[in-house]
Amino acid sequence: MKLPEGIVAYLWTATGLVSLVIIVFGIYWSYKNGQFDENIKYIIFNEEDGDAKTPPHEHGSDSATTPKSHNP
């Protein structure tokens, strides 16, 4: 089946626009439902988890840069 001349560009444009609308709607929905809440880490983790709440680059120790040996 051969498509009419120039229709492919319009199909790609329409597909791109629909994708952008879906992405924007998804981000809006996420924002409205609190999905970007930074305090979620306090709900997921508790005090017994220790430093699991902080990212590895903020631990303050050099354990992330030094390789650990796995000797049995």
Protein backbone atom coordinates (compact mmCIF):
# COMPACT_ATOMS: atom_id res chain seq x y z
CA MET A 1 0.00 0.00 0.00
CA LYS A 2 1.48 3.34 -1.01
CA LEU A 3 0.57 6.39 1.02
CA PRO A 4 -0.17 9.68 -0.71
CA GLU A 5 2.80 12.04 -1.11
CA GLY A 6 3.52 14.11 2.00
CA ILE A 7 1.13 12.30 4.33
CA VAL A 8 3.98 10.65 6.28
CA ALA A 9 5.21 14.02 7.58
CA TYR A 10 1.72 14.84 8.82
CA LEU A 11 1.41 11.44 10.49
CA TRP A 12 4.73 11.94 12.31
CA THR A 13 3.69 15.44 13.36
CA ALA A 14 0.33 14.23 14.66
CA THR A 15 1.99 11.35 16.52
CA GLY A 16 4.51 13.72 18.11
CA LEU A 17 1.82 16.16 19.19
CA VAL A 18 -0.31 13.42 20.72
CA SER A 19 2.75 12.12 22.58
CA LEU A 20 3.55 15.58 23.93
CA VAL A 21 -0.03 16.09 25.10
CA ILE A 22 0.01 12.74 26.90
CA ILE A 23 3.35 13.56 28.55
CA VAL A 24 2.16 16.99 29.71
CA PHE A 25 -1.08 15.48 31.03
CA GLY A 26 0.91 12.80 32.88
CA ILE A 27 3.17 15.38 34.53
CA TYR A 28 0.17 17.52 35.46
CA TRP A 29 -1.62 14.50 36.96
CA SER A 30 1.52 13.53 38.89
CA TYR A 31 1.91 17.04 40.26
CA LYS A 32 -1.74 17.25 41.31
CA ASN A 33 -1.54 13.87 43.09
CA GLY A 34 1.62 14.70 45.03
CA GLN A 35 3.98 12.40 43.17
CA PHE A 36 6.82 14.94 43.40
CA ASP A 37 6.64 15.22 47.18
CA GLU A 38 10.15 15.09 48.64
CA ASN A 39 8.79 14.12 52.06
CA ILE A 40 7.79 10.70 50.73
CA LYS A 41 11.14 9.37 51.93
CA TYR A 42 9.98 9.93 55.52
CA ILE A 43 6.88 7.85 54.85
CA ILE A 44 8.75 4.99 53.16
CA PHE A 45 11.76 4.87 55.50
CA ASN A 46 11.75 4.89 59.27
CA GLU A 47 14.44 5.70 61.82
CA GLU A 48 15.72 2.11 61.84
CA ASP A 49 16.79 2.43 58.20
CA GLY A 50 19.60 4.79 59.15
CA ASP A 51 21.30 6.47 56.23
CA ALA A 52 19.10 4.85 53.58
CA LYS A 53 17.21 8.14 53.27
CA THR A 54 20.25 10.06 52.04
CA PRO A 55 21.65 9.63 48.53
CA PRO A 56 25.06 7.90 48.30
CA HIS A 57 26.85 11.11 47.30
CA GLU A 58 25.69 12.84 50.51
CA HIS A 59 26.82 10.21 53.03
CA GLY A 60 30.00 12.10 53.89
CA SER A 61 32.19 9.01 53.90
CA ASP A 62 34.52 7.77 51.22
CA SER A 63 32.92 4.33 51.16
CA ALA A 64 31.29 5.10 47.81
CA THR A 65 34.65 5.80 46.18
CA THR A 66 36.65 2.96 47.67
CA PRO A 67 36.00 -0.49 46.26
CA LYS A 68 35.00 -3.16 48.72
CA SER A 69 36.69 -6.53 48.53
CA HIS A 70 34.46 -9.56 48.26
CA ASN A 71 36.74 -12.15 49.82
CA PRO A 72 34.81 -15.21 50.96
